[in-house]
Amino acid sequence: ILWPKPPDGKIAFVKSTDPAHSDFVIVKPSGFFRVGDELE
């Protein structure tokens, strides 16, 4: 259950994670996939 800690003990709110600014991308979105393959 060990969880990674920030490098600094106290982080200001504006420097905390904002889901609105964050994003994700599919690696190889136009790749050829079949059932059983792994998607990253």
All heavy atoms as atom14 arrays in JSON, in Angstrom:
{
  "sequence": "ILWPKPPDGKIAFVKSTDPAHSDFVIVKPSGFFRVGDELE",
  "atom14_mask": [
    [1, 1, 1, 1, 1, 1, 1, 1, 0, 0, 0, 0, 0, 0],
    [1, 1, 1, 1, 1, 1, 1, 1, 0, 0, 0, 0, 0, 0],
    [1, 1, 1, 1, 1, 1, 1, 1, 1, 1, 1, 1, 1, 1],
    [1, 1, 1, 1, 1, 1, 1, 0, 0, 0, 0, 0, 0, 0],
    [1, 1, 1, 1, 1, 1, 1, 1, 1, 0, 0, 0, 0, 0],
    [1, 1, 1, 1, 1, 1, 1, 0, 0, 0, 0, 0, 0, 0],
    [1, 1, 1, 1, 1, 1, 1, 0, 0, 0, 0, 0, 0, 0],
    [1, 1, 1, 1, 1, 1, 1, 1, 0, 0, 0, 0, 0, 0],
    [1, 1, 1, 1, 0, 0, 0, 0, 0, 0, 0, 0, 0, 0],
    [1, 1, 1, 1, 1, 1, 1, 1, 1, 0, 0, 0, 0, 0],
    [1, 1, 1, 1, 1, 1, 1, 1, 0, 0, 0, 0, 0, 0],
    [1, 1, 1, 1, 1, 0, 0, 0, 0, 0, 0, 0, 0, 0],
    [1, 1, 1, 1, 1, 1, 1, 1, 1, 1, 1, 0, 0, 0],
    [1, 1, 1, 1, 1, 1, 1, 0, 0, 0, 0, 0, 0, 0],
    [1, 1, 1, 1, 1, 1, 1, 1, 1, 0, 0, 0, 0, 0],
    [1, 1, 1, 1, 1, 1, 0, 0, 0, 0, 0, 0, 0, 0],
    [1, 1, 1, 1, 1, 1, 1, 0, 0, 0, 0, 0, 0, 0],
    [1, 1, 1, 1, 1, 1, 1, 1, 0, 0, 0, 0, 0, 0],
    [1, 1, 1, 1, 1, 1, 1, 0, 0, 0, 0, 0, 0, 0],
    [1, 1, 1, 1, 1, 0, 0, 0, 0, 0, 0, 0, 0, 0],
    [1, 1, 1, 1, 1, 1, 1, 1, 1, 1, 0, 0, 0, 0],
    [1, 1, 1, 1, 1, 1, 0, 0, 0, 0, 0, 0, 0, 0],
    [1, 1, 1, 1, 1, 1, 1, 1, 0, 0, 0, 0, 0, 0],
    [1, 1, 1, 1, 1, 1, 1, 1, 1, 1, 1, 0, 0, 0],
    [1, 1, 1, 1, 1, 1, 1, 0, 0, 0, 0, 0, 0, 0],
    [1, 1, 1, 1, 1, 1, 1, 1, 0, 0, 0, 0, 0, 0],
    [1, 1, 1, 1, 1, 1, 1, 0, 0, 0, 0, 0, 0, 0],
    [1, 1, 1, 1, 1, 1, 1, 1, 1, 0, 0, 0, 0, 0],
    [1, 1, 1, 1, 1, 1, 1, 0, 0, 0, 0, 0, 0, 0],
    [1, 1, 1, 1, 1, 1, 0, 0, 0, 0, 0, 0, 0, 0],
    [1, 1, 1, 1, 0, 0, 0, 0, 0, 0, 0, 0, 0, 0],
    [1, 1, 1, 1, 1, 1, 1, 1, 1, 1, 1, 0, 0, 0],
    [1, 1, 1, 1, 1, 1, 1, 1, 1, 1, 1, 0, 0, 0],
    [1, 1, 1, 1, 1, 1, 1, 1, 1, 1, 1, 0, 0, 0],
    [1, 1, 1, 1, 1, 1, 1, 0, 0, 0, 0, 0, 0, 0],
    [1, 1, 1, 1, 0, 0, 0, 0, 0, 0, 0, 0, 0, 0],
    [1, 1, 1, 1, 1, 1, 1, 1, 0, 0, 0, 0, 0, 0],
    [1, 1, 1, 1, 1, 1, 1, 1, 1, 0, 0, 0, 0, 0],
    [1, 1, 1, 1, 1, 1, 1, 1, 0, 0, 0, 0, 0, 0],
    [1, 1, 1, 1, 1, 1, 1, 1, 1, 0, 0, 0, 0, 0]
  ],
  "atom14_positions": [
    [[0.82, -1.22, 0.0], [0.0, 0.0, 0.0], [0.85, 1.27, 0.0], [0.32, 2.37, 0.14], [-0.95, 0.02, 1.21], [-0.16, 0.08, 2.53], [-1.88, -1.17, 1.2], [-1.05, 0.25, 3.76], [0.0, 0.0, 0.0], [0.0, 0.0, 0.0], [0.0, 0.0, 0.0], [0.0, 0.0, 0.0], [0.0, 0.0, 0.0], [0.0, 0.0, 0.0]],
    [[2.16, 1.12, -0.15], [3.06, 2.28, -0.17], [2.72, 3.16, -1.37], [2.58, 2.68, -2.49], [4.51, 1.82, -0.25], [5.57, 2.92, -0.14], [5.51, 3.59, 1.23], [6.96, 2.34, -0.38], [0.0, 0.0, 0.0], [0.0, 0.0, 0.0], [0.0, 0.0, 0.0], [0.0, 0.0, 0.0], [0.0, 0.0, 0.0], [0.0, 0.0, 0.0]],
    [[2.57, 4.46, -1.13], [2.17, 5.38, -2.18], [3.27, 6.41, -2.37], [3.82, 6.94, -1.41], [0.86, 6.08, -1.79], [0.1, 6.59, -2.97], [0.18, 7.84, -3.5], [-0.86, 5.89, -3.76], [-0.67, 7.96, -4.58], [-1.32, 6.77, -4.76], [-1.37, 4.6, -3.72], [-2.27, 6.4, -5.72], [-2.31, 4.23, -4.67], [-2.76, 5.13, -5.65]],
    [[3.63, 6.73, -3.61], [4.7, 7.71, -3.84], [4.33, 9.09, -3.31], [3.18, 9.52, -3.4], [4.84, 7.72, -5.37], [3.55, 7.18, -5.89], [3.08, 6.19, -4.86], [0.0, 0.0, 0.0], [0.0, 0.0, 0.0], [0.0, 0.0, 0.0], [0.0, 0.0, 0.0], [0.0, 0.0, 0.0], [0.0, 0.0, 0.0], [0.0, 0.0, 0.0]],
    [[5.33, 9.78, -2.76], [5.12, 11.09, -2.17], [5.69, 12.19, -3.07], [6.64, 11.95, -3.81], [5.77, 11.17, -0.8], [5.17, 10.24, 0.23], [5.84, 10.43, 1.58], [5.21, 9.53, 2.63], [5.83, 9.71, 3.97], [0.0, 0.0, 0.0], [0.0, 0.0, 0.0], [0.0, 0.0, 0.0], [0.0, 0.0, 0.0], [0.0, 0.0, 0.0]],
    [[5.12, 13.4, -2.99], [5.7, 14.52, -3.74], [7.09, 14.84, -3.21], [7.42, 14.51, -2.07], [4.72, 15.68, -3.44], [3.46, 15.02, -2.98], [3.89, 13.76, -2.3], [0.0, 0.0, 0.0], [0.0, 0.0, 0.0], [0.0, 0.0, 0.0], [0.0, 0.0, 0.0], [0.0, 0.0, 0.0], [0.0, 0.0, 0.0], [0.0, 0.0, 0.0]],
    [[7.94, 15.47, -4.05], [9.29, 15.8, -3.59], [9.29, 16.8, -2.45], [10.21, 16.81, -1.62], [9.95, 16.39, -4.85], [8.81, 16.84, -5.71], [7.7, 15.88, -5.43], [0.0, 0.0, 0.0], [0.0, 0.0, 0.0], [0.0, 0.0, 0.0], [0.0, 0.0, 0.0], [0.0, 0.0, 0.0], [0.0, 0.0, 0.0], [0.0, 0.0, 0.0]],
    [[8.3, 17.67, -2.4], [8.19, 18.66, -1.33], [7.07, 18.26, -0.39], [6.06, 17.68, -0.79], [7.93, 20.06, -1.9], [9.04, 20.51, -2.83], [10.21, 20.21, -2.52], [8.73, 21.14, -3.86], [0.0, 0.0, 0.0], [0.0, 0.0, 0.0], [0.0, 0.0, 0.0], [0.0, 0.0, 0.0], [0.0, 0.0, 0.0], [0.0, 0.0, 0.0]],
    [[7.25, 18.61, 0.87], [6.26, 18.23, 1.86], [4.92, 18.91, 1.67], [3.87, 18.32, 1.87], [0.0, 0.0, 0.0], [0.0, 0.0, 0.0], [0.0, 0.0, 0.0], [0.0, 0.0, 0.0], [0.0, 0.0, 0.0], [0.0, 0.0, 0.0], [0.0, 0.0, 0.0], [0.0, 0.0, 0.0], [0.0, 0.0, 0.0], [0.0, 0.0, 0.0]],
    [[4.92, 20.18, 1.28], [3.68, 20.93, 1.14], [3.61, 21.54, -0.25], [4.51, 22.28, -0.66], [3.6, 22.03, 2.21], [2.26, 22.71, 2.28], [2.21, 23.69, 3.46], [0.83, 24.34, 3.57], [0.78, 25.3, 4.7], [0.0, 0.0, 0.0], [0.0, 0.0, 0.0], [0.0, 0.0, 0.0], [0.0, 0.0, 0.0], [0.0, 0.0, 0.0]],
    [[2.56, 21.23, -0.99], [2.38, 21.71, -2.36], [1.23, 22.69, -2.41], [0.15, 22.43, -1.86], [2.11, 20.53, -3.32], [3.22, 19.49, -3.23], [1.96, 21.03, -4.75], [4.57, 19.96, -3.66], [0.0, 0.0, 0.0], [0.0, 0.0, 0.0], [0.0, 0.0, 0.0], [0.0, 0.0, 0.0], [0.0, 0.0, 0.0], [0.0, 0.0, 0.0]],
    [[1.43, 23.83, -3.06], [0.36, 24.8, -3.23], [-0.72, 24.24, -4.15], [-0.44, 23.43, -5.03], [0.92, 26.11, -3.79], [0.0, 0.0, 0.0], [0.0, 0.0, 0.0], [0.0, 0.0, 0.0], [0.0, 0.0, 0.0], [0.0, 0.0, 0.0], [0.0, 0.0, 0.0], [0.0, 0.0, 0.0], [0.0, 0.0, 0.0], [0.0, 0.0, 0.0]],
    [[-1.95, 24.7, -3.97], [-3.06, 24.17, -4.74], [-2.86, 24.37, -6.25], [-3.15, 23.47, -7.04], [-4.37, 24.84, -4.31], [-5.54, 24.5, -5.18], [-6.09, 23.23, -5.17], [-6.07, 25.45, -6.05], [-7.16, 22.91, -6.0], [-7.14, 25.14, -6.87], [-7.69, 23.87, -6.84], [0.0, 0.0, 0.0], [0.0, 0.0, 0.0], [0.0, 0.0, 0.0]],
    [[-2.33, 25.53, -6.66], [-2.17, 25.8, -8.1], [-1.17, 24.86, -8.74], [-1.16, 24.71, -9.98], [-1.76, 27.27, -8.34], [-2.87, 28.22, -7.92], [-0.46, 27.59, -7.61], [0.0, 0.0, 0.0], [0.0, 0.0, 0.0], [0.0, 0.0, 0.0], [0.0, 0.0, 0.0], [0.0, 0.0, 0.0], [0.0, 0.0, 0.0], [0.0, 0.0, 0.0]],
    [[-0.32, 24.22, -7.93], [0.65, 23.28, -8.46], [0.2, 21.83, -8.34], [0.95, 20.91, -8.65], [1.99, 23.46, -7.75], [2.65, 24.8, -8.03], [4.03, 24.89, -7.39], [4.71, 26.22, -7.73], [6.06, 26.31, -7.13], [0.0, 0.0, 0.0], [0.0, 0.0, 0.0], [0.0, 0.0, 0.0], [0.0, 0.0, 0.0], [0.0, 0.0, 0.0]],
    [[-1.03, 21.65, -7.9], [-1.58, 20.3, -7.79], [-2.2, 19.87, -9.11], [-2.35, 20.65, -10.05], [-2.64, 20.25, -6.68], [-3.76, 21.05, -7.01], [0.0, 0.0, 0.0], [0.0, 0.0, 0.0], [0.0, 0.0, 0.0], [0.0, 0.0, 0.0], [0.0, 0.0, 0.0], [0.0, 0.0, 0.0], [0.0, 0.0, 0.0], [0.0, 0.0, 0.0]],
    [[-2.59, 18.62, -9.2], [-3.09, 18.04, -10.45], [-4.43, 18.65, -10.86], [-5.37, 18.71, -10.06], [-3.24, 16.52, -10.3], [-1.99, 15.96, -9.92], [-3.7, 15.9, -11.61], [0.0, 0.0, 0.0], [0.0, 0.0, 0.0], [0.0, 0.0, 0.0], [0.0, 0.0, 0.0], [0.0, 0.0, 0.0], [0.0, 0.0, 0.0], [0.0, 0.0, 0.0]],
    [[-4.49, 19.09, -12.1], [-5.71, 19.64, -12.68], [-6.16, 18.73, -13.82], [-5.5, 18.65, -14.87], [-5.46, 21.05, -13.2], [-6.71, 21.66, -13.83], [-7.82, 21.11, -13.62], [-6.58, 22.67, -14.55], [0.0, 0.0, 0.0], [0.0, 0.0, 0.0], [0.0, 0.0, 0.0], [0.0, 0.0, 0.0], [0.0, 0.0, 0.0], [0.0, 0.0, 0.0]],
    [[-7.26, 18.03, -13.66], [-7.72, 17.12, -14.74], [-8.09, 17.86, -16.02], [-8.02, 17.29, -17.11], [-8.93, 16.42, -14.11], [-9.39, 17.34, -13.02], [-8.16, 18.0, -12.5], [0.0, 0.0, 0.0], [0.0, 0.0, 0.0], [0.0, 0.0, 0.0], [0.0, 0.0, 0.0], [0.0, 0.0, 0.0], [0.0, 0.0, 0.0], [0.0, 0.0, 0.0]],
    [[-8.49, 19.14, -15.9], [-8.88, 19.89, -17.09], [-7.68, 20.19, -17.99], [-7.81, 20.27, -19.22], [-9.57, 21.19, -16.69], [0.0, 0.0, 0.0], [0.0, 0.0, 0.0], [0.0, 0.0, 0.0], [0.0, 0.0, 0.0], [0.0, 0.0, 0.0], [0.0, 0.0, 0.0], [0.0, 0.0, 0.0], [0.0, 0.0, 0.0], [0.0, 0.0, 0.0]],
    [[-6.5, 20.42, -17.41], [-5.3, 20.66, -18.19], [-4.62, 19.36, -18.62], [-3.82, 19.36, -19.56], [-4.3, 21.51, -17.39], [-4.58, 22.98, -17.43], [-5.26, 23.63, -16.41], [-4.31, 23.92, -18.37], [-5.37, 24.91, -16.71], [-4.8, 25.12, -17.89], [0.0, 0.0, 0.0], [0.0, 0.0, 0.0], [0.0, 0.0, 0.0], [0.0, 0.0, 0.0]],
    [[-4.89, 18.27, -17.93], [-4.26, 16.99, -18.24], [-4.93, 16.35, -19.45], [-6.05, 16.73, -19.83], [-4.35, 16.06, -17.02], [-3.78, 16.67, -15.88], [0.0, 0.0, 0.0], [0.0, 0.0, 0.0], [0.0, 0.0, 0.0], [0.0, 0.0, 0.0], [0.0, 0.0, 0.0], [0.0, 0.0, 0.0], [0.0, 0.0, 0.0], [0.0, 0.0, 0.0]],
    [[-4.26, 15.39, -20.06], [-4.85, 14.7, -21.21], [-4.26, 13.31, -21.33], [-3.35, 12.93, -20.59], [-4.63, 15.5, -22.5], [-3.16, 15.6, -22.87], [-2.3, 15.14, -22.08], [-2.84, 16.12, -23.95], [0.0, 0.0, 0.0], [0.0, 0.0, 0.0], [0.0, 0.0, 0.0], [0.0, 0.0, 0.0], [0.0, 0.0, 0.0], [0.0, 0.0, 0.0]],
    [[-4.8, 12.53, -22.28], [-4.24, 11.23, -22.58], [-4.25, 11.0, -24.09], [-5.03, 11.63, -24.82], [-5.0, 10.1, -21.86], [-6.35, 9.77, -22.43], [-6.49, 8.87, -23.49], [-7.51, 10.34, -21.9], [-7.73, 8.56, -24.01], [-8.76, 10.03, -22.41], [-8.88, 9.14, -23.48], [0.0, 0.0, 0.0], [0.0, 0.0, 0.0], [0.0, 0.0, 0.0]],
    [[-3.36, 10.13, -24.54], [-3.28, 9.78, -25.96], [-3.19, 8.27, -26.07], [-2.6, 7.6, -25.22], [-2.06, 10.43, -26.65], [-2.24, 11.93, -26.73], [-0.77, 10.06, -25.93], [0.0, 0.0, 0.0], [0.0, 0.0, 0.0], [0.0, 0.0, 0.0], [0.0, 0.0, 0.0], [0.0, 0.0, 0.0], [0.0, 0.0, 0.0], [0.0, 0.0, 0.0]],
    [[-3.79, 7.73, -27.12], [-3.68, 6.31, -27.42], [-2.42, 6.09, -28.23], [-2.2, 6.75, -29.26], [-4.91, 5.81, -28.2], [-6.17, 5.96, -27.35], [-4.72, 4.35, -28.61], [-7.45, 5.56, -28.07], [0.0, 0.0, 0.0], [0.0, 0.0, 0.0], [0.0, 0.0, 0.0], [0.0, 0.0, 0.0], [0.0, 0.0, 0.0], [0.0, 0.0, 0.0]],
    [[-1.55, 5.22, -27.75], [-0.35, 4.88, -28.49], [-0.75, 4.04, -29.7], [-1.46, 3.04, -29.58], [0.65, 4.12, -27.59], [1.9, 3.74, -28.38], [1.02, 4.96, -26.38], [0.0, 0.0, 0.0], [0.0, 0.0, 0.0], [0.0, 0.0, 0.0], [0.0, 0.0, 0.0], [0.0, 0.0, 0.0], [0.0, 0.0, 0.0], [0.0, 0.0, 0.0]],
    [[-0.34, 4.48, -30.88], [-0.69, 3.83, -32.14], [-2.21, 3.73, -32.31], [-2.78, 2.64, -32.41], [-0.07, 2.43, -32.22], [1.46, 2.43, -32.17], [2.0, 1.0, -32.24], [3.51, 0.99, -32.16], [4.07, -0.4, -32.19], [0.0, 0.0, 0.0], [0.0, 0.0, 0.0], [0.0, 0.0, 0.0], [0.0, 0.0, 0.0], [0.0, 0.0, 0.0]],
    [[-2.9, 4.87, -32.34], [-4.38, 4.84, -32.44], [-4.89, 4.25, -33.75], [-6.01, 3.76, -33.82], [-4.76, 6.32, -32.31], [-3.54, 7.06, -32.77], [-2.36, 6.23, -32.33], [0.0, 0.0, 0.0], [0.0, 0.0, 0.0], [0.0, 0.0, 0.0], [0.0, 0.0, 0.0], [0.0, 0.0, 0.0], [0.0, 0.0, 0.0], [0.0, 0.0, 0.0]],
    [[-4.07, 4.34, -34.8], [-4.5, 3.8, -36.1], [-3.96, 2.4, -36.35], [-4.0, 1.9, -37.47], [-4.02, 4.73, -37.23], [-2.6, 4.87, -37.19], [0.0, 0.0, 0.0], [0.0, 0.0, 0.0], [0.0, 0.0, 0.0], [0.0, 0.0, 0.0], [0.0, 0.0, 0.0], [0.0, 0.0, 0.0], [0.0, 0.0, 0.0], [0.0, 0.0, 0.0]],
    [[-3.47, 1.77, -35.3], [-2.92, 0.43, -35.45], [-3.99, -0.62, -35.7], [-5.19, -0.37, -35.56], [0.0, 0.0, 0.0], [0.0, 0.0, 0.0], [0.0, 0.0, 0.0], [0.0, 0.0, 0.0], [0.0, 0.0, 0.0], [0.0, 0.0, 0.0], [0.0, 0.0, 0.0], [0.0, 0.0, 0.0], [0.0, 0.0, 0.0], [0.0, 0.0, 0.0]],
    [[-3.55, -1.79, -36.09], [-4.47, -2.91, -36.36], [-4.57, -3.75, -35.09], [-3.57, -4.31, -34.63], [-3.96, -3.74, -37.54], [-4.9, -4.84, -37.93], [-6.01, -4.59, -38.71], [-4.66, -6.15, -37.5], [-6.87, -5.61, -39.08], [-5.52, -7.17, -37.86], [-6.63, -6.91, -38.65], [0.0, 0.0, 0.0], [0.0, 0.0, 0.0], [0.0, 0.0, 0.0]],
    [[-5.78, -3.84, -34.52], [-5.97, -4.55, -33.26], [-6.94, -5.71, -33.44], [-7.93, -5.61, -34.19], [-6.52, -3.6, -32.18], [-5.6, -2.48, -31.83], [-5.78, -1.21, -32.37], [-4.54, -2.67, -30.94], [-4.94, -0.17, -32.04], [-3.68, -1.63, -30.61], [-3.88, -0.38, -31.17], [0.0, 0.0, 0.0], [0.0, 0.0, 0.0], [0.0, 0.0, 0.0]],
    [[-6.64, -6.8, -32.77], [-7.54, -7.94, -32.7], [-7.86, -8.25, -31.24], [-7.15, -7.8, -30.33], [-6.92, -9.16, -33.37], [-6.86, -9.08, -34.89], [-6.5, -10.42, -35.49], [-6.43, -10.38, -36.94], [-7.48, -10.53, -37.74], [-8.69, -10.73, -37.21], [-7.34, -10.5, -39.04], [0.0, 0.0, 0.0], [0.0, 0.0, 0.0], [0.0, 0.0, 0.0]],
    [[-8.93, -9.0, -31.03], [-9.29, -9.42, -29.69], [-8.13, -10.19, -29.07], [-7.56, -11.08, -29.7], [-10.56, -10.31, -29.71], [-10.83, -10.89, -28.33], [-11.76, -9.5, -30.2], [0.0, 0.0, 0.0], [0.0, 0.0, 0.0], [0.0, 0.0, 0.0], [0.0, 0.0, 0.0], [0.0, 0.0, 0.0], [0.0, 0.0, 0.0], [0.0, 0.0, 0.0]],
    [[-7.77, -9.81, -27.87], [-6.65, -10.43, -27.17], [-5.39, -9.59, -27.19], [-4.45, -9.85, -26.43], [0.0, 0.0, 0.0], [0.0, 0.0, 0.0], [0.0, 0.0, 0.0], [0.0, 0.0, 0.0], [0.0, 0.0, 0.0], [0.0, 0.0, 0.0], [0.0, 0.0, 0.0], [0.0, 0.0, 0.0], [0.0, 0.0, 0.0], [0.0, 0.0, 0.0]],
    [[-5.34, -8.57, -28.11], [-4.18, -7.69, -28.16], [-4.16, -6.73, -26.97], [-5.17, -6.56, -26.28], [-4.16, -6.88, -29.47], [-3.87, -7.75, -30.68], [-3.4, -8.89, -30.48], [-4.12, -7.29, -31.81], [0.0, 0.0, 0.0], [0.0, 0.0, 0.0], [0.0, 0.0, 0.0], [0.0, 0.0, 0.0], [0.0, 0.0, 0.0], [0.0, 0.0, 0.0]],
    [[-3.02, -6.07, -26.78], [-2.88, -5.1, -25.71], [-2.89, -3.69, -26.28], [-2.2, -3.41, -27.26], [-1.59, -5.35, -24.92], [-1.44, -4.47, -23.69], [-0.2, -4.82, -22.88], [0.91, -4.56, -23.39], [-0.34, -5.35, -21.77], [0.0, 0.0, 0.0], [0.0, 0.0, 0.0], [0.0, 0.0, 0.0], [0.0, 0.0, 0.0], [0.0, 0.0, 0.0]],
    [[-3.66, -2.83, -25.65], [-3.75, -1.43, -26.05], [-3.04, -0.58, -24.99], [-3.29, -0.74, -23.79], [-5.21, -0.99, -26.18], [-5.45, 0.49, -26.52], [-4.97, 0.79, -27.94], [-6.93, 0.84, -26.37], [0.0, 0.0, 0.0], [0.0, 0.0, 0.0], [0.0, 0.0, 0.0], [0.0, 0.0, 0.0], [0.0, 0.0, 0.0], [0.0, 0.0, 0.0]],
    [[-2.16, 0.32, -25.45], [-1.41, 1.17, -24.52], [-1.89, 2.62, -24.64], [-2.09, 3.14, -25.74], [0.08, 1.1, -24.81], [0.92, 1.95, -23.85], [2.42, 1.87, -24.13], [2.81, 0.99, -24.94], [3.17, 2.68, -23.57], [0.0, 0.0, 0.0], [0.0, 0.0, 0.0], [0.0, 0.0, 0.0], [0.0, 0.0, 0.0], [0.0, 0.0, 0.0]]
  ]
}
